[in-house]
Amino acid sequence: MTEVLNPFVQEIEDRKKREIASLNERLVEKKTQIQRTIEESVKIIESKYQREATAKAQRESARIRESARLAAKKIIFDSINENMEFTFEALKNELSTFVKKAEYKKILEKMVDSAKNRLGSELVVRCRKDDVEILNKLGVTVGGNIDTMGGIIASDKTELREIDMTFEELIQNHEDEIKSLLMEKVMK
């Protein structure tokens, strides 16, 4: 009986071997397919994160460049402002020495003439203590002393209208023009 069963057993074992071989082939194919899918997914993910990283790096680079540009502008403007302050101080120092020169008397005469043209011939003038004698010689009434670098404050005889021609007021009135002139010289 075993001889009769032997071909059946052999047939079953052969079928089992073929099925195992077939299953092994399918397993290898599935493994290969899964491996390809994993590799493709990894490439897609790597590509996505590479693009994101590049975009973030570019944004950060742009932010850093803009920040540096703004910092450089601030340094330039701070330097210009410091230079302007220094220049205005130098201008004030120059004016404080100018009042000791003979040319200053001519400037006072022009100021008095200008005030007379605007306010009338009878003026009341306030000035530095050092300028009282010069202004008395010019035939104007001195109404008091003021603390100024130089120049005058003139008013009509009723003292209702007034013109401030002190150096400080002239600098303040022409500050924008002076700054523009200095900026042109700095930018050259």
N, C-alpha and C. Protein backbone atom coordinates (compact mmCIF):
# COMPACT_ATOMS: atom_id res chain seq x y z
N MET A 1 0.79 -1.15 0.00
CA MET A 1 0.00 0.00 0.00
C MET A 1 0.86 1.25 0.00
N THR A 2 1.93 1.14 0.56
CA THR A 2 2.80 2.30 0.56
C THR A 2 3.28 2.61 -0.84
N GLU A 3 3.33 1.56 -1.64
CA GLU A 3 3.74 1.82 -3.02
C GLU A 3 2.67 2.58 -3.76
N VAL A 4 1.45 2.32 -3.44
CA VAL A 4 0.34 3.02 -4.09
C VAL A 4 0.32 4.46 -3.56
N LEU A 5 0.58 4.63 -2.35
CA LEU A 5 0.53 5.95 -1.75
C LEU A 5 1.76 6.78 -2.11
N ASN A 6 2.81 6.17 -2.40
CA ASN A 6 4.05 6.89 -2.71
C ASN A 6 3.86 7.88 -3.86
N PRO A 7 3.23 7.51 -4.95
CA PRO A 7 3.08 8.52 -6.00
C PRO A 7 2.22 9.69 -5.52
N PHE A 8 1.21 9.42 -4.67
CA PHE A 8 0.37 10.49 -4.18
C PHE A 8 1.16 11.40 -3.23
N VAL A 9 1.91 10.78 -2.37
CA VAL A 9 2.73 11.54 -1.43
C VAL A 9 3.75 12.36 -2.22
N GLN A 10 4.32 11.73 -3.22
CA GLN A 10 5.31 12.42 -4.05
C GLN A 10 4.63 13.60 -4.76
N GLU A 11 3.43 13.35 -5.25
CA GLU A 11 2.68 14.40 -5.96
C GLU A 11 2.38 15.54 -4.99
N ILE A 12 1.99 15.23 -3.79
CA ILE A 12 1.66 16.25 -2.78
C ILE A 12 2.93 17.02 -2.42
N GLU A 13 4.02 16.35 -2.25
CA GLU A 13 5.27 17.03 -1.90
C GLU A 13 5.73 17.91 -3.05
N ASP A 14 5.59 17.42 -4.27
CA ASP A 14 5.97 18.24 -5.43
C ASP A 14 5.10 19.49 -5.51
N ARG A 15 3.78 19.28 -5.31
CA ARG A 15 2.86 20.42 -5.36
C ARG A 15 3.24 21.41 -4.25
N LYS A 16 3.55 20.88 -3.07
CA LYS A 16 3.91 21.72 -1.93
C LYS A 16 5.19 22.51 -2.27
N LYS A 17 6.16 21.87 -2.88
CA LYS A 17 7.42 22.53 -3.25
C LYS A 17 7.14 23.64 -4.28
N ARG A 18 6.26 23.31 -5.26
CA ARG A 18 5.93 24.32 -6.29
C ARG A 18 5.22 25.51 -5.65
N GLU A 19 4.28 25.20 -4.74
CA GLU A 19 3.56 26.29 -4.08
C GLU A 19 4.51 27.12 -3.22
N ILE A 20 5.41 26.47 -2.51
CA ILE A 20 6.39 27.18 -1.69
C ILE A 20 7.28 28.03 -2.60
N ALA A 21 7.70 27.44 -3.73
CA ALA A 21 8.54 28.19 -4.68
C ALA A 21 7.76 29.37 -5.22
N SER A 22 6.47 29.14 -5.54
CA SER A 22 5.63 30.22 -6.06
C SER A 22 5.44 31.29 -4.99
N LEU A 23 5.19 30.86 -3.76
CA LEU A 23 5.04 31.82 -2.66
C LEU A 23 6.34 32.60 -2.43
N ASN A 24 7.47 31.91 -2.52
CA ASN A 24 8.77 32.58 -2.36
C ASN A 24 8.97 33.62 -3.46
N GLU A 25 8.59 33.28 -4.70
CA GLU A 25 8.72 34.24 -5.81
C GLU A 25 7.84 35.45 -5.55
N ARG A 26 6.58 35.19 -5.13
CA ARG A 26 5.68 36.31 -4.86
C ARG A 26 6.20 37.14 -3.69
N LEU A 27 6.76 36.45 -2.70
CA LEU A 27 7.33 37.17 -1.56
C LEU A 27 8.48 38.06 -2.01
N VAL A 28 9.36 37.54 -2.85
CA VAL A 28 10.49 38.32 -3.37
C VAL A 28 9.96 39.50 -4.18
N GLU A 29 8.94 39.25 -5.02
CA GLU A 29 8.35 40.33 -5.83
C GLU A 29 7.73 41.39 -4.91
N LYS A 30 7.00 40.95 -3.88
CA LYS A 30 6.37 41.90 -2.94
C LYS A 30 7.45 42.69 -2.21
N LYS A 31 8.51 42.00 -1.77
CA LYS A 31 9.61 42.68 -1.09
C LYS A 31 10.22 43.73 -2.00
N THR A 32 10.45 43.36 -3.25
CA THR A 32 11.03 44.27 -4.23
C THR A 32 10.10 45.46 -4.46
N GLN A 33 8.82 45.16 -4.61
CA GLN A 33 7.84 46.21 -4.83
C GLN A 33 7.77 47.14 -3.61
N ILE A 34 7.74 46.59 -2.42
CA ILE A 34 7.72 47.39 -1.19
C ILE A 34 8.99 48.23 -1.09
N GLN A 35 10.12 47.62 -1.41
CA GLN A 35 11.40 48.35 -1.36
C GLN A 35 11.38 49.54 -2.33
N ARG A 36 10.87 49.31 -3.55
CA ARG A 36 10.78 50.40 -4.53
C ARG A 36 9.85 51.49 -4.02
N THR A 37 8.73 51.11 -3.45
CA THR A 37 7.77 52.08 -2.92
C THR A 37 8.41 52.90 -1.79
N ILE A 38 9.14 52.21 -0.92
CA ILE A 38 9.83 52.90 0.18
C ILE A 38 10.85 53.88 -0.39
N GLU A 39 11.64 53.46 -1.34
CA GLU A 39 12.67 54.32 -1.93
C GLU A 39 12.04 55.52 -2.62
N GLU A 40 10.95 55.29 -3.35
CA GLU A 40 10.26 56.41 -4.01
C GLU A 40 9.69 57.37 -2.98
N SER A 41 9.09 56.82 -1.93
CA SER A 41 8.52 57.67 -0.87
C SER A 41 9.61 58.48 -0.19
N VAL A 42 10.74 57.82 0.08
CA VAL A 42 11.86 58.52 0.71
C VAL A 42 12.36 59.65 -0.20
N LYS A 43 12.46 59.37 -1.50
CA LYS A 43 12.91 60.41 -2.45
C LYS A 43 11.93 61.58 -2.46
N ILE A 44 10.63 61.27 -2.47
CA ILE A 44 9.62 62.33 -2.48
C ILE A 44 9.72 63.16 -1.20
N ILE A 45 9.83 62.48 -0.07
CA ILE A 45 9.92 63.18 1.22
C ILE A 45 11.20 64.01 1.28
N GLU A 46 12.33 63.41 0.88
CA GLU A 46 13.59 64.15 0.87
C GLU A 46 13.50 65.37 -0.02
N SER A 47 12.91 65.21 -1.20
CA SER A 47 12.77 66.32 -2.13
C SER A 47 11.91 67.43 -1.52
N LYS A 48 10.80 67.03 -0.90
CA LYS A 48 9.90 68.00 -0.28
C LYS A 48 10.63 68.78 0.81
N TYR A 49 11.31 68.06 1.71
CA TYR A 49 12.00 68.73 2.80
C TYR A 49 13.20 69.53 2.31
N GLN A 50 13.81 69.08 1.23
CA GLN A 50 14.92 69.85 0.65
C GLN A 50 14.40 71.18 0.12
N ARG A 51 13.25 71.15 -0.59
CA ARG A 51 12.64 72.40 -1.09
C ARG A 51 12.25 73.31 0.06
N GLU A 52 11.65 72.73 1.11
CA GLU A 52 11.26 73.53 2.27
C GLU A 52 12.49 74.14 2.94
N ALA A 53 13.53 73.34 3.09
CA ALA A 53 14.76 73.83 3.73
C ALA A 53 15.38 74.95 2.89
N THR A 54 15.38 74.77 1.58
CA THR A 54 15.93 75.80 0.69
C THR A 54 15.11 77.08 0.80
N ALA A 55 13.79 76.95 0.80
CA ALA A 55 12.92 78.12 0.90
C ALA A 55 13.14 78.83 2.24
N LYS A 56 13.23 78.06 3.33
CA LYS A 56 13.47 78.66 4.65
C LYS A 56 14.83 79.35 4.69
N ALA A 57 15.82 78.71 4.10
CA ALA A 57 17.17 79.30 4.09
C ALA A 57 17.17 80.60 3.28
N GLN A 58 16.46 80.61 2.17
CA GLN A 58 16.39 81.83 1.36
C GLN A 58 15.67 82.94 2.12
N ARG A 59 14.57 82.60 2.80
CA ARG A 59 13.85 83.61 3.58
C ARG A 59 14.73 84.15 4.69
N GLU A 60 15.43 83.26 5.37
CA GLU A 60 16.29 83.68 6.47
C GLU A 60 17.45 84.54 5.95
N SER A 61 17.98 84.14 4.82
CA SER A 61 19.06 84.91 4.20
C SER A 61 18.58 86.31 3.82
N ALA A 62 17.38 86.39 3.25
CA ALA A 62 16.81 87.69 2.88
C ALA A 62 16.57 88.54 4.12
N ARG A 63 16.07 87.91 5.19
CA ARG A 63 15.82 88.63 6.43
C ARG A 63 17.13 89.18 7.01
N ILE A 64 18.17 88.36 6.99
CA ILE A 64 19.47 88.78 7.52
C ILE A 64 20.05 89.91 6.68
N ARG A 65 19.95 89.78 5.34
CA ARG A 65 20.46 90.84 4.46
C ARG A 65 19.71 92.15 4.70
N GLU A 66 18.40 92.09 4.83
CA GLU A 66 17.59 93.29 5.06
C GLU A 66 17.94 93.91 6.41
N SER A 67 18.11 93.06 7.40
CA SER A 67 18.48 93.55 8.73
C SER A 67 19.84 94.25 8.69
N ALA A 68 20.77 93.65 7.98
CA ALA A 68 22.11 94.25 7.84
C ALA A 68 22.03 95.57 7.08
N ARG A 69 21.20 95.60 6.04
CA ARG A 69 21.04 96.84 5.25
C ARG A 69 20.47 97.95 6.12
N LEU A 70 19.46 97.62 6.93
CA LEU A 70 18.86 98.62 7.81
C LEU A 70 19.85 99.08 8.88
N ALA A 71 20.63 98.14 9.40
CA ALA A 71 21.64 98.50 10.40
C ALA A 71 22.69 99.43 9.78
N ALA A 72 23.07 99.15 8.54
CA ALA A 72 24.05 100.01 7.86
C ALA A 72 23.47 101.41 7.65
N LYS A 73 22.20 101.48 7.23
CA LYS A 73 21.56 102.78 7.05
C LYS A 73 21.51 103.55 8.37
N LYS A 74 21.19 102.84 9.45
CA LYS A 74 21.12 103.49 10.76
C LYS A 74 22.48 104.05 11.13
N ILE A 75 23.53 103.28 10.88
CA ILE A 75 24.88 103.75 11.19
C ILE A 75 25.21 105.00 10.37
N ILE A 76 24.84 104.98 9.10
CA ILE A 76 25.11 106.14 8.23
C ILE A 76 24.34 107.36 8.73
N PHE A 77 23.04 107.18 9.03
CA PHE A 77 22.24 108.32 9.49
C PHE A 77 22.71 108.82 10.85
N ASP A 78 23.10 107.91 11.74
CA ASP A 78 23.63 108.35 13.03
C ASP A 78 24.91 109.15 12.83
N SER A 79 25.74 108.70 11.92
CA SER A 79 26.98 109.40 11.62
C SER A 79 26.69 110.79 11.03
N ILE A 80 25.72 110.83 10.11
CA ILE A 80 25.36 112.12 9.50
C ILE A 80 24.80 113.06 10.57
N ASN A 81 23.92 112.55 11.43
CA ASN A 81 23.36 113.40 12.50
C ASN A 81 24.43 113.89 13.44
N GLU A 82 25.36 113.02 13.78
CA GLU A 82 26.47 113.42 14.65
C GLU A 82 27.31 114.50 13.97
N ASN A 83 27.54 114.31 12.67
CA ASN A 83 28.29 115.29 11.89
C ASN A 83 27.53 116.62 11.84
N MET A 84 26.20 116.54 11.68
CA MET A 84 25.37 117.76 11.64
C MET A 84 25.48 118.50 12.98
N GLU A 85 25.36 117.76 14.08
CA GLU A 85 25.45 118.39 15.40
C GLU A 85 26.82 119.05 15.58
N PHE A 86 27.85 118.34 15.17
CA PHE A 86 29.20 118.90 15.27
C PHE A 86 29.31 120.17 14.42
N THR A 87 28.74 120.13 13.22
CA THR A 87 28.81 121.28 12.32
C THR A 87 28.05 122.47 12.89
N PHE A 88 26.87 122.21 13.46
CA PHE A 88 26.11 123.32 14.07
C PHE A 88 26.86 123.91 15.26
N GLU A 89 27.49 123.05 16.05
CA GLU A 89 28.30 123.56 17.16
C GLU A 89 29.47 124.39 16.64
N ALA A 90 30.10 123.93 15.58
CA ALA A 90 31.21 124.69 14.97
C ALA A 90 30.71 126.03 14.44
N LEU A 91 29.51 126.00 13.83
CA LEU A 91 28.91 127.24 13.31
C LEU A 91 28.66 128.22 14.46
N LYS A 92 28.11 127.72 15.56
CA LYS A 92 27.85 128.58 16.72
C LYS A 92 29.16 129.13 17.30
N ASN A 93 30.19 128.29 17.35
CA ASN A 93 31.49 128.76 17.84
C ASN A 93 32.06 129.83 16.92
N GLU A 94 31.91 129.63 15.62
CA GLU A 94 32.40 130.62 14.66
C GLU A 94 31.65 131.94 14.81
N LEU A 95 30.34 131.86 15.02
CA LEU A 95 29.54 133.08 15.22
C LEU A 95 29.94 133.79 16.51
N SER A 96 30.27 133.04 17.55
CA SER A 96 30.66 133.68 18.82
C SER A 96 31.99 134.42 18.67
N THR A 97 32.85 133.98 17.76
CA THR A 97 34.10 134.72 17.50
C THR A 97 33.87 135.83 16.47
N PHE A 98 32.87 135.65 15.60
CA PHE A 98 32.57 136.65 14.57
C PHE A 98 32.13 137.97 15.19
N VAL A 99 31.42 137.93 16.32
CA VAL A 99 30.90 139.17 16.94
C VAL A 99 32.03 140.06 17.43
N LYS A 100 33.23 139.54 17.50
CA LYS A 100 34.38 140.33 17.95
C LYS A 100 35.09 141.02 16.79
N LYS A 101 34.64 140.76 15.57
CA LYS A 101 35.29 141.32 14.39
C LYS A 101 34.57 142.59 13.93
N ALA A 102 35.28 143.40 13.16
CA ALA A 102 34.71 144.66 12.65
C ALA A 102 33.55 144.41 11.69
N GLU A 103 33.57 143.29 11.01
CA GLU A 103 32.50 142.96 10.06
C GLU A 103 31.15 142.83 10.76
N TYR A 104 31.18 142.48 12.05
CA TYR A 104 29.94 142.30 12.80
C TYR A 104 29.18 143.63 12.89
N LYS A 105 29.92 144.73 13.03
CA LYS A 105 29.28 146.06 13.10
C LYS A 105 28.49 146.31 11.82
N LYS A 106 29.03 145.93 10.67
CA LYS A 106 28.34 146.10 9.39
C LYS A 106 27.07 145.24 9.35
N ILE A 107 27.14 144.06 9.90
CA ILE A 107 25.97 143.17 9.95
C ILE A 107 24.88 143.81 10.81
N LEU A 108 25.28 144.37 11.96
CA LEU A 108 24.29 145.05 12.82
C LEU A 108 23.64 146.22 12.08
N GLU A 109 24.43 146.99 11.32
CA GLU A 109 23.89 148.11 10.54
C GLU A 109 22.86 147.60 9.53
N LYS A 110 23.18 146.48 8.84
CA LYS A 110 22.24 145.91 7.87
C LYS A 110 20.97 145.43 8.57
N MET A 111 21.11 144.85 9.76
CA MET A 111 19.94 144.39 10.51
C MET A 111 19.05 145.56 10.89
N VAL A 112 19.66 146.66 11.35
CA VAL A 112 18.90 147.86 11.73
C VAL A 112 18.21 148.43 10.50
N ASP A 113 18.91 148.53 9.37
CA ASP A 113 18.30 149.05 8.14
C ASP A 113 17.13 148.18 7.71
N SER A 114 17.28 146.88 7.77
CA SER A 114 16.22 145.96 7.39
C SER A 114 15.01 146.12 8.32
N ALA A 115 15.27 146.26 9.61
CA ALA A 115 14.18 146.44 10.58
C ALA A 115 13.46 147.76 10.34
N LYS A 116 14.22 148.83 10.02
CA LYS A 116 13.59 150.13 9.74
C LYS A 116 12.70 150.03 8.50
N ASN A 117 13.16 149.29 7.48
CA ASN A 117 12.35 149.13 6.26
C ASN A 117 11.04 148.40 6.56
N ARG A 118 11.06 147.47 7.47
CA ARG A 118 9.87 146.67 7.77
C ARG A 118 8.98 147.31 8.85
N LEU A 119 9.60 147.94 9.84
CA LEU A 119 8.83 148.41 11.00
C LEU A 119 8.71 149.92 11.11
N GLY A 120 9.44 150.63 10.32
CA GLY A 120 9.44 152.10 10.42
C GLY A 120 10.76 152.58 11.01
N SER A 121 10.95 153.90 10.95
CA SER A 121 12.26 154.45 11.34
C SER A 121 12.48 154.51 12.84
N GLU A 122 11.41 154.54 13.64
CA GLU A 122 11.58 154.59 15.09
C GLU A 122 11.52 153.17 15.64
N LEU A 123 12.68 152.67 16.01
CA LEU A 123 12.80 151.29 16.49
C LEU A 123 13.17 151.25 17.97
N VAL A 124 12.75 150.16 18.61
CA VAL A 124 13.26 149.81 19.92
C VAL A 124 13.98 148.48 19.73
N VAL A 125 15.24 148.43 20.09
CA VAL A 125 16.07 147.27 19.81
C VAL A 125 16.56 146.65 21.12
N ARG A 126 16.50 145.35 21.20
CA ARG A 126 17.11 144.61 22.31
C ARG A 126 18.31 143.87 21.73
N CYS A 127 19.39 143.84 22.50
CA CYS A 127 20.64 143.27 21.97
C CYS A 127 21.53 142.78 23.10
N ARG A 128 22.71 142.28 22.72
CA ARG A 128 23.72 141.89 23.71
C ARG A 128 24.23 143.16 24.39
N LYS A 129 24.68 143.00 25.59
CA LYS A 129 25.23 144.13 26.34
C LYS A 129 26.40 144.76 25.59
N ASP A 130 27.20 143.93 24.94
CA ASP A 130 28.38 144.41 24.20
C ASP A 130 28.01 145.23 22.96
N ASP A 131 26.76 145.12 22.49
CA ASP A 131 26.35 145.80 21.25
C ASP A 131 25.64 147.12 21.50
N VAL A 132 25.36 147.49 22.75
CA VAL A 132 24.59 148.70 23.07
C VAL A 132 25.25 149.93 22.49
N GLU A 133 26.55 150.07 22.67
CA GLU A 133 27.26 151.26 22.19
C GLU A 133 27.17 151.40 20.67
N ILE A 134 27.36 150.29 19.96
CA ILE A 134 27.29 150.32 18.49
C ILE A 134 25.89 150.76 18.04
N LEU A 135 24.86 150.21 18.67
CA LEU A 135 23.49 150.53 18.27
C LEU A 135 23.10 151.96 18.64
N ASN A 136 23.60 152.48 19.75
CA ASN A 136 23.35 153.89 20.10
C ASN A 136 23.94 154.80 19.03
N LYS A 137 25.12 154.46 18.51
CA LYS A 137 25.75 155.26 17.45
C LYS A 137 24.94 155.21 16.17
N LEU A 138 24.17 154.11 15.97
CA LEU A 138 23.34 153.99 14.77
C LEU A 138 22.01 154.74 14.94
N GLY A 139 21.78 155.32 16.12
CA GLY A 139 20.60 156.16 16.34
C GLY A 139 19.32 155.39 16.64
N VAL A 140 19.44 154.23 17.23
CA VAL A 140 18.24 153.48 17.60
C VAL A 140 18.15 153.43 19.12
N THR A 141 16.92 153.28 19.60
CA THR A 141 16.69 153.18 21.04
C THR A 141 16.93 151.74 21.47
N VAL A 142 17.77 151.58 22.48
CA VAL A 142 18.05 150.25 23.01
C VAL A 142 17.10 150.01 24.18
N GLY A 143 16.30 148.95 24.05
CA GLY A 143 15.26 148.68 25.04
C GLY A 143 15.66 147.66 26.09
N GLY A 144 16.80 147.11 26.01
CA GLY A 144 17.22 146.14 27.01
C GLY A 144 18.21 145.15 26.43
N ASN A 145 18.78 144.38 27.34
CA ASN A 145 19.77 143.39 26.94
C ASN A 145 19.11 142.01 26.83
N ILE A 146 19.64 141.22 25.93
CA ILE A 146 19.18 139.83 25.78
C ILE A 146 20.40 138.92 25.77
N ASP A 147 20.15 137.66 26.13
CA ASP A 147 21.22 136.66 26.14
C ASP A 147 21.22 135.99 24.77
N THR A 148 22.13 136.38 23.92
CA THR A 148 22.22 135.85 22.56
C THR A 148 23.67 135.84 22.11
N MET A 149 23.94 135.06 21.06
CA MET A 149 25.30 135.04 20.49
C MET A 149 25.58 136.33 19.74
N GLY A 150 24.55 136.90 19.15
CA GLY A 150 24.70 138.11 18.38
C GLY A 150 23.40 138.42 17.66
N GLY A 151 23.33 139.63 17.08
CA GLY A 151 22.13 140.04 16.37
C GLY A 151 21.22 140.86 17.29
N ILE A 152 20.01 141.14 16.78
CA ILE A 152 19.09 141.99 17.52
C ILE A 152 17.66 141.46 17.44
N ILE A 153 16.85 141.95 18.36
CA ILE A 153 15.40 141.81 18.26
C ILE A 153 14.88 143.23 18.18
N ALA A 154 14.26 143.56 17.05
CA ALA A 154 13.78 144.92 16.81
C ALA A 154 12.26 144.94 16.85
N SER A 155 11.71 146.04 17.41
CA SER A 155 10.26 146.22 17.41
C SER A 155 9.95 147.67 17.07
N ASP A 156 8.71 147.90 16.63
CA ASP A 156 8.32 149.29 16.33
C ASP A 156 8.16 150.03 17.66
N LYS A 157 7.92 151.35 17.59
CA LYS A 157 7.89 152.15 18.82
C LYS A 157 6.76 151.72 19.75
N THR A 158 5.67 151.12 19.19
CA THR A 158 4.57 150.65 20.04
C THR A 158 4.86 149.27 20.61
N GLU A 159 5.89 148.64 20.10
CA GLU A 159 6.33 147.29 20.49
C GLU A 159 5.27 146.23 20.25
N LEU A 160 4.40 146.47 19.23
CA LEU A 160 3.38 145.49 18.84
C LEU A 160 3.91 144.53 17.78
N ARG A 161 4.78 145.03 16.93
CA ARG A 161 5.38 144.19 15.89
C ARG A 161 6.86 144.02 16.21
N GLU A 162 7.35 142.81 15.93
CA GLU A 162 8.72 142.50 16.33
C GLU A 162 9.38 141.62 15.26
N ILE A 163 10.68 141.82 15.09
CA ILE A 163 11.48 140.98 14.19
C ILE A 163 12.67 140.47 14.99
N ASP A 164 12.78 139.13 15.03
CA ASP A 164 13.90 138.51 15.75
C ASP A 164 14.99 138.19 14.74
N MET A 165 16.10 138.90 14.83
CA MET A 165 17.24 138.68 13.94
C MET A 165 18.48 138.25 14.72
N THR A 166 18.23 137.54 15.83
CA THR A 166 19.37 137.00 16.58
C THR A 166 19.97 135.84 15.79
N PHE A 167 21.23 135.57 16.02
CA PHE A 167 21.88 134.47 15.30
C PHE A 167 21.17 133.15 15.55
N GLU A 168 20.73 132.93 16.81
CA GLU A 168 20.04 131.68 17.13
C GLU A 168 18.76 131.53 16.30
N GLU A 169 17.99 132.63 16.21
CA GLU A 169 16.74 132.59 15.44
C GLU A 169 17.03 132.40 13.95
N LEU A 170 18.04 133.06 13.45
CA LEU A 170 18.39 132.91 12.03
C LEU A 170 18.82 131.47 11.72
N ILE A 171 19.60 130.88 12.62
CA ILE A 171 20.00 129.47 12.43
C ILE A 171 18.77 128.58 12.45
N GLN A 172 17.88 128.80 13.40
CA GLN A 172 16.67 127.96 13.50
C GLN A 172 15.79 128.13 12.26
N ASN A 173 15.62 129.37 11.80
CA ASN A 173 14.77 129.62 10.63
C ASN A 173 15.34 129.01 9.35
N HIS A 174 16.64 128.90 9.28
CA HIS A 174 17.28 128.39 8.07
C HIS A 174 17.91 127.01 8.29
N GLU A 175 17.50 126.35 9.36
CA GLU A 175 18.08 125.05 9.71
C GLU A 175 17.92 124.02 8.59
N ASP A 176 16.75 123.95 7.98
CA ASP A 176 16.53 122.97 6.90
C ASP A 176 17.45 123.26 5.71
N GLU A 177 17.61 124.52 5.36
CA GLU A 177 18.49 124.88 4.24
C GLU A 177 19.94 124.52 4.57
N ILE A 178 20.34 124.79 5.81
CA ILE A 178 21.71 124.49 6.23
C ILE A 178 21.93 122.97 6.19
N LYS A 179 20.94 122.22 6.71
CA LYS A 179 21.07 120.76 6.71
C LYS A 179 21.13 120.23 5.27
N SER A 180 20.32 120.77 4.38
CA SER A 180 20.35 120.32 2.98
C SER A 180 21.71 120.59 2.36
N LEU A 181 22.25 121.75 2.62
CA LEU A 181 23.57 122.10 2.10
C LEU A 181 24.63 121.15 2.65
N LEU A 182 24.55 120.86 3.94
CA LEU A 182 25.52 119.94 4.55
C LEU A 182 25.36 118.53 3.99
N MET A 183 24.10 118.09 3.79
CA MET A 183 23.86 116.75 3.22
C MET A 183 24.47 116.64 1.82
N GLU A 184 24.32 117.70 1.02
CA GLU A 184 24.91 117.68 -0.32
C GLU A 184 26.43 117.51 -0.23
N LYS A 185 27.04 118.21 0.70
CA LYS A 185 28.49 118.12 0.85
C LYS A 185 28.91 116.75 1.37
N VAL A 186 28.12 116.17 2.28
CA VAL A 186 28.44 114.85 2.83
C VAL A 186 28.30 113.78 1.77
N MET A 187 27.29 113.88 0.93
CA MET A 187 27.02 112.84 -0.07
C MET A 187 27.94 112.90 -1.28
N LYS A 188 28.72 113.96 -1.42
CA LYS A 188 29.64 114.06 -2.57
C LYS A 188 30.83 113.20 -2.39
